Amino acid sequence: MLQAFAARVVTAANVLAGAITVGIFLVMAAQVVSRYGFNTSLFWADELAVWGLAWLVMLACVGLAWDWRHVHVPMVLLALPERARIPMILLSKAATVAFLLVLVWYGAQVVTGGFHRTAPGLGLSTRWFKLAVPASAALMSFVLVAALLRDLAAWRCGDTRHFRGYGRDEGAE
């Protein structure tokens, strides 16, 4: 049940990231038409695109965390024998969750802190821009815990096939 809910969280984050991508494209296209077609500017467009990009990147990371497809260097992991590789995978996921929880805590401190300004173009508090980090880190933490529990169950059952793809680039073979 937790795995299905985590998969739905990932799907929702991916759909939202896709919608933000389309929104950024439309805003930037409107900015180009406005600037070169009508010799005026949408003063809020660049600011909205930057805010959208921050949210887009952070939300896209939720799916990457779930699939364990983020940037990493698996050279040491692949050099280990399979018996040692599985605990290292589990340890690295647990360490990533710990880091993300620190990011959630610190990000919440920043968002709830009092040093925000009002963005001139949008007229919104920069708190909404800063919220992208702790909100997405919380989602990544949740899906990584679900993935870690899935991995622990596979390890406990002796399913070593579950771990064979970790660290390998399927496109390179």
C-alpha atoms as a PDB file:
ATOM      1  CA  MET A   1       0.000   0.000   0.000  1.00  0.00           C
ATOM      2  CA  LEU A   2       2.874   2.374   0.840  1.00  0.00           C
ATOM      3  CA  GLN A   3       4.546   1.519  -2.476  1.00  0.00           C
ATOM      4  CA  ALA A   4       1.385   2.327  -4.428  1.00  0.00           C
ATOM      5  CA  PHE A   5       0.954   5.634  -2.606  1.00  0.00           C
ATOM      6  CA  ALA A   6       4.617   6.540  -3.218  1.00  0.00           C
ATOM      7  CA  ALA A   7       4.160   5.735  -6.912  1.00  0.00           C
ATOM      8  CA  ARG A   8       1.128   8.060  -6.992  1.00  0.00           C
ATOM      9  CA  VAL A   9       3.164  10.813  -5.304  1.00  0.00           C
ATOM     10  CA  VAL A  10       5.841  10.400  -7.985  1.00  0.00           C
ATOM     11  CA  THR A  11       3.216  10.502 -10.735  1.00  0.00           C
ATOM     12  CA  ALA A  12       1.658  13.651  -9.269  1.00  0.00           C
ATOM     13  CA  ALA A  13       5.082  15.318  -8.975  1.00  0.00           C
ATOM     14  CA  ASN A  14       5.887  14.381 -12.589  1.00  0.00           C
ATOM     15  CA  VAL A  15       2.545  15.685 -13.857  1.00  0.00           C
ATOM     16  CA  LEU A  16       3.026  18.934 -11.946  1.00  0.00           C
ATOM     17  CA  ALA A  17       6.582  19.247 -13.288  1.00  0.00           C
ATOM     18  CA  GLY A  18       5.250  18.706 -16.805  1.00  0.00           C
ATOM     19  CA  ALA A  19       2.571  21.354 -16.311  1.00  0.00           C
ATOM     20  CA  ILE A  20       5.188  23.780 -15.030  1.00  0.00           C
ATOM     21  CA  THR A  21       7.326  23.050 -18.100  1.00  0.00           C
ATOM     22  CA  VAL A  22       4.422  23.886 -20.393  1.00  0.00           C
ATOM     23  CA  GLY A  23       3.679  27.001 -18.343  1.00  0.00           C
ATOM     24  CA  ILE A  24       7.284  28.220 -18.570  1.00  0.00           C
ATOM     25  CA  PHE A  25       7.260  27.651 -22.321  1.00  0.00           C
ATOM     26  CA  LEU A  26       4.001  29.565 -22.770  1.00  0.00           C
ATOM     27  CA  VAL A  27       5.143  32.475 -20.602  1.00  0.00           C
ATOM     28  CA  MET A  28       8.470  32.745 -22.402  1.00  0.00           C
ATOM     29  CA  ALA A  29       6.764  32.489 -25.809  1.00  0.00           C
ATOM     30  CA  ALA A  30       4.372  35.272 -24.774  1.00  0.00           C
ATOM     31  CA  GLN A  31       7.369  37.327 -23.623  1.00  0.00           C
ATOM     32  CA  VAL A  32       9.091  36.909 -27.008  1.00  0.00           C
ATOM     33  CA  VAL A  33       5.926  37.833 -28.928  1.00  0.00           C
ATOM     34  CA  SER A  34       5.321  40.788 -26.639  1.00  0.00           C
ATOM     35  CA  ARG A  35       8.873  42.063 -26.882  1.00  0.00           C
ATOM     36  CA  TYR A  36       9.504  41.599 -30.594  1.00  0.00           C
ATOM     37  CA  GLY A  37       5.967  41.801 -31.912  1.00  0.00           C
ATOM     38  CA  PHE A  38       4.583  44.672 -29.845  1.00  0.00           C
ATOM     39  CA  ASN A  39       7.782  46.360 -28.592  1.00  0.00           C
ATOM     40  CA  THR A  40       6.735  45.967 -24.960  1.00  0.00           C
ATOM     41  CA  SER A  41       7.625  43.576 -22.192  1.00  0.00           C
ATOM     42  CA  LEU A  42       5.804  41.383 -19.719  1.00  0.00           C
ATOM     43  CA  PHE A  43       7.680  42.613 -16.650  1.00  0.00           C
ATOM     44  CA  TRP A  44       6.733  39.556 -14.607  1.00  0.00           C
ATOM     45  CA  ALA A  45       7.576  36.863 -17.194  1.00  0.00           C
ATOM     46  CA  ASP A  46      11.257  36.340 -16.406  1.00  0.00           C
ATOM     47  CA  GLU A  47      10.604  36.188 -12.694  1.00  0.00           C
ATOM     48  CA  LEU A  48       7.803  33.666 -13.143  1.00  0.00           C
ATOM     49  CA  ALA A  49      10.008  31.526 -15.398  1.00  0.00           C
ATOM     50  CA  VAL A  50      12.806  31.454 -12.813  1.00  0.00           C
ATOM     51  CA  TRP A  51      10.401  30.522 -10.033  1.00  0.00           C
ATOM     52  CA  GLY A  52       8.837  27.868 -12.232  1.00  0.00           C
ATOM     53  CA  LEU A  53      12.239  26.473 -13.102  1.00  0.00           C
ATOM     54  CA  ALA A  54      13.146  26.103  -9.426  1.00  0.00           C
ATOM     55  CA  TRP A  55       9.916  24.210  -8.754  1.00  0.00           C
ATOM     56  CA  LEU A  56      10.330  22.168 -11.935  1.00  0.00           C
ATOM     57  CA  VAL A  57      13.815  20.952 -11.033  1.00  0.00           C
ATOM     58  CA  MET A  58      12.910  20.127  -7.451  1.00  0.00           C
ATOM     59  CA  LEU A  59       9.701  18.285  -8.375  1.00  0.00           C
ATOM     60  CA  ALA A  60      11.445  16.314 -11.129  1.00  0.00           C
ATOM     61  CA  CYS A  61      13.926  15.101  -8.514  1.00  0.00           C
ATOM     62  CA  VAL A  62      11.120  13.228  -6.735  1.00  0.00           C
ATOM     63  CA  GLY A  63      10.832  10.735  -9.595  1.00  0.00           C
ATOM     64  CA  LEU A  64      14.593  10.482  -9.906  1.00  0.00           C
ATOM     65  CA  ALA A  65      14.868   9.646  -6.210  1.00  0.00           C
ATOM     66  CA  TRP A  66      12.155   6.976  -6.492  1.00  0.00           C
ATOM     67  CA  ASP A  67      13.965   5.274  -9.394  1.00  0.00           C
ATOM     68  CA  TRP A  68      17.422   5.963  -7.911  1.00  0.00           C
ATOM     69  CA  ARG A  69      18.355   7.647 -11.186  1.00  0.00           C
ATOM     70  CA  HIS A  70      19.910  10.822  -9.861  1.00  0.00           C
ATOM     71  CA  VAL A  71      23.503  11.760 -10.515  1.00  0.00           C
ATOM     72  CA  HIS A  72      25.902   9.402  -8.774  1.00  0.00           C
ATOM     73  CA  VAL A  73      29.217   7.709  -9.440  1.00  0.00           C
ATOM     74  CA  PRO A  74      28.685   3.954  -9.078  1.00  0.00           C
ATOM     75  CA  MET A  75      32.280   2.912  -9.743  1.00  0.00           C
ATOM     76  CA  VAL A  76      32.974   1.786  -6.159  1.00  0.00           C
ATOM     77  CA  LEU A  77      29.565   0.176  -5.836  1.00  0.00           C
ATOM     78  CA  LEU A  78      30.045  -1.894  -8.994  1.00  0.00           C
ATOM     79  CA  ALA A  79      33.515  -2.971  -7.881  1.00  0.00           C
ATOM     80  CA  LEU A  80      32.108  -4.564  -4.723  1.00  0.00           C
ATOM     81  CA  PRO A  81      31.036  -8.202  -4.646  1.00  0.00           C
ATOM     82  CA  GLU A  82      27.267  -8.657  -4.687  1.00  0.00           C
ATOM     83  CA  ARG A  83      27.162  -9.594  -0.980  1.00  0.00           C
ATOM     84  CA  ALA A  84      28.700  -6.246  -0.023  1.00  0.00           C
ATOM     85  CA  ARG A  85      26.982  -4.231  -2.761  1.00  0.00           C
ATOM     86  CA  ILE A  86      23.459  -4.659  -1.397  1.00  0.00           C
ATOM     87  CA  PRO A  87      24.192  -3.285   2.096  1.00  0.00           C
ATOM     88  CA  MET A  88      26.055  -0.360   0.491  1.00  0.00           C
ATOM     89  CA  ILE A  89      23.003   0.424  -1.664  1.00  0.00           C
ATOM     90  CA  LEU A  90      20.814   0.386   1.437  1.00  0.00           C
ATOM     91  CA  LEU A  91      23.298   2.497   3.379  1.00  0.00           C
ATOM     92  CA  SER A  92      23.572   5.058   0.597  1.00  0.00           C
ATOM     93  CA  LYS A  93      19.789   5.362   0.400  1.00  0.00           C
ATOM     94  CA  ALA A  94      19.547   5.783   4.162  1.00  0.00           C
ATOM     95  CA  ALA A  95      22.267   8.452   4.078  1.00  0.00           C
ATOM     96  CA  THR A  96      20.409  10.244   1.286  1.00  0.00           C
ATOM     97  CA  VAL A  97      17.201  10.213   3.349  1.00  0.00           C
ATOM     98  CA  ALA A  98      19.125  11.649   6.307  1.00  0.00           C
ATOM     99  CA  PHE A  99      20.538  14.430   4.136  1.00  0.00           C
ATOM    100  CA  LEU A 100      17.100  15.198   2.710  1.00  0.00           C
ATOM    101  CA  LEU A 101      15.582  15.385   6.187  1.00  0.00           C
ATOM    102  CA  VAL A 102      18.240  17.915   7.168  1.00  0.00           C
ATOM    103  CA  LEU A 103      17.352  19.834   4.006  1.00  0.00           C
ATOM    104  CA  VAL A 104      13.663  19.734   4.979  1.00  0.00           C
ATOM    105  CA  TRP A 105      14.481  21.028   8.463  1.00  0.00           C
ATOM    106  CA  TYR A 106      16.806  23.787   7.280  1.00  0.00           C
ATOM    107  CA  GLY A 107      14.516  24.706   4.383  1.00  0.00           C
ATOM    108  CA  ALA A 108      11.592  25.012   6.787  1.00  0.00           C
ATOM    109  CA  GLN A 109      13.702  27.356   8.914  1.00  0.00           C
ATOM    110  CA  VAL A 110      14.391  29.502   5.872  1.00  0.00           C
ATOM    111  CA  VAL A 111      10.768  29.522   4.698  1.00  0.00           C
ATOM    112  CA  THR A 112       9.407  30.396   8.138  1.00  0.00           C
ATOM    113  CA  GLY A 113      12.160  32.948   8.785  1.00  0.00           C
ATOM    114  CA  GLY A 114      11.536  36.648   8.540  1.00  0.00           C
ATOM    115  CA  PHE A 115      13.933  37.667   5.789  1.00  0.00           C
ATOM    116  CA  HIS A 116      11.677  37.552   2.763  1.00  0.00           C
ATOM    117  CA  ARG A 117      10.979  40.256   0.259  1.00  0.00           C
ATOM    118  CA  THR A 118       8.200  40.828  -2.189  1.00  0.00           C
ATOM    119  CA  ALA A 119       9.162  39.956  -5.730  1.00  0.00           C
ATOM    120  CA  PRO A 120       8.778  43.104  -7.827  1.00  0.00           C
ATOM    121  CA  GLY A 121       7.346  41.443 -10.926  1.00  0.00           C
ATOM    122  CA  LEU A 122       4.925  39.027  -9.323  1.00  0.00           C
ATOM    123  CA  GLY A 123       4.089  40.882  -6.134  1.00  0.00           C
ATOM    124  CA  LEU A 124       4.446  37.645  -4.150  1.00  0.00           C
ATOM    125  CA  SER A 125       6.607  36.852  -1.172  1.00  0.00           C
ATOM    126  CA  THR A 126       9.845  35.080  -2.055  1.00  0.00           C
ATOM    127  CA  ARG A 127       8.791  32.550   0.574  1.00  0.00           C
ATOM    128  CA  TRP A 128       6.883  30.720  -2.219  1.00  0.00           C
ATOM    129  CA  PHE A 129      10.069  30.477  -4.282  1.00  0.00           C
ATOM    130  CA  LYS A 130      12.072  29.173  -1.308  1.00  0.00           C
ATOM    131  CA  LEU A 131       9.380  26.618  -0.434  1.00  0.00           C
ATOM    132  CA  ALA A 132      10.391  24.509  -3.460  1.00  0.00           C
ATOM    133  CA  VAL A 133      13.400  23.068  -1.622  1.00  0.00           C
ATOM    134  CA  PRO A 134      11.878  21.806   1.648  1.00  0.00           C
ATOM    135  CA  ALA A 135       8.611  20.712   0.011  1.00  0.00           C
ATOM    136  CA  SER A 136      10.377  18.658  -2.648  1.00  0.00           C
ATOM    137  CA  ALA A 137      12.945  17.335  -0.184  1.00  0.00           C
ATOM    138  CA  ALA A 138      10.068  16.100   1.992  1.00  0.00           C
ATOM    139  CA  LEU A 139       8.506  14.338  -1.009  1.00  0.00           C
ATOM    140  CA  MET A 140      11.876  12.853  -1.969  1.00  0.00           C
ATOM    141  CA  SER A 141      12.379  11.652   1.616  1.00  0.00           C
ATOM    142  CA  PHE A 142       9.008   9.941   1.591  1.00  0.00           C
ATOM    143  CA  VAL A 143       9.522   8.145  -1.722  1.00  0.00           C
ATOM    144  CA  LEU A 144      13.072   7.160  -0.775  1.00  0.00           C
ATOM    145  CA  VAL A 145      11.872   5.644   2.507  1.00  0.00           C
ATOM    146  CA  ALA A 146       9.278   3.671   0.524  1.00  0.00           C
ATOM    147  CA  ALA A 147      11.982   2.578  -1.937  1.00  0.00           C
ATOM    148  CA  LEU A 148      14.292   1.664   0.942  1.00  0.00           C
ATOM    149  CA  LEU A 149      11.563  -0.476   2.515  1.00  0.00           C
ATOM    150  CA  ARG A 150      11.033  -2.160  -0.879  1.00  0.00           C
ATOM    151  CA  ASP A 151      14.786  -2.843  -1.092  1.00  0.00           C
ATOM    152  CA  LEU A 152      14.924  -4.176   2.476  1.00  0.00           C
ATOM    153  CA  ALA A 153      12.062  -6.562   1.721  1.00  0.00           C
ATOM    154  CA  ALA A 154      13.861  -7.808  -1.415  1.00  0.00           C
ATOM    155  CA  TRP A 155      17.099  -8.260   0.532  1.00  0.00           C
ATOM    156  CA  ARG A 156      15.341 -10.112   3.340  1.00  0.00           C
ATOM    157  CA  CYS A 157      13.721 -12.470   0.806  1.00  0.00           C
ATOM    158  CA  GLY A 158      17.078 -13.067  -0.890  1.00  0.00           C
ATOM    159  CA  ASP A 159      16.005 -11.452  -4.167  1.00  0.00           C
ATOM    160  CA  THR A 160      19.405 -10.399  -5.503  1.00  0.00           C
ATOM    161  CA  ARG A 161      17.941  -9.789  -8.990  1.00  0.00           C
ATOM    162  CA  HIS A 162      16.241  -6.708  -7.535  1.00  0.00           C
ATOM    163  CA  PHE A 163      19.655  -5.079  -7.029  1.00  0.00           C
ATOM    164  CA  ARG A 164      21.414  -6.040 -10.263  1.00  0.00           C
ATOM    165  CA  GLY A 165      20.445  -2.861 -12.131  1.00  0.00           C
ATOM    166  CA  TYR A 166      21.734  -0.501  -9.455  1.00  0.00           C
ATOM    167  CA  GLY A 167      24.711   1.465 -10.703  1.00  0.00           C
ATOM    168  CA  ARG A 168      24.555   0.141 -14.238  1.00  0.00           C
ATOM    169  CA  ASP A 169      23.795   2.278 -17.243  1.00  0.00           C
ATOM    170  CA  GLU A 170      21.325   0.167 -19.208  1.00  0.00           C
ATOM    171  CA  GLY A 171      21.857   2.284 -22.330  1.00  0.00           C
ATOM    172  CA  ALA A 172      25.599   1.547 -22.390  1.00  0.00           C
ATOM    173  CA  GLU A 173      25.248  -2.216 -22.694  1.00  0.00           C
END
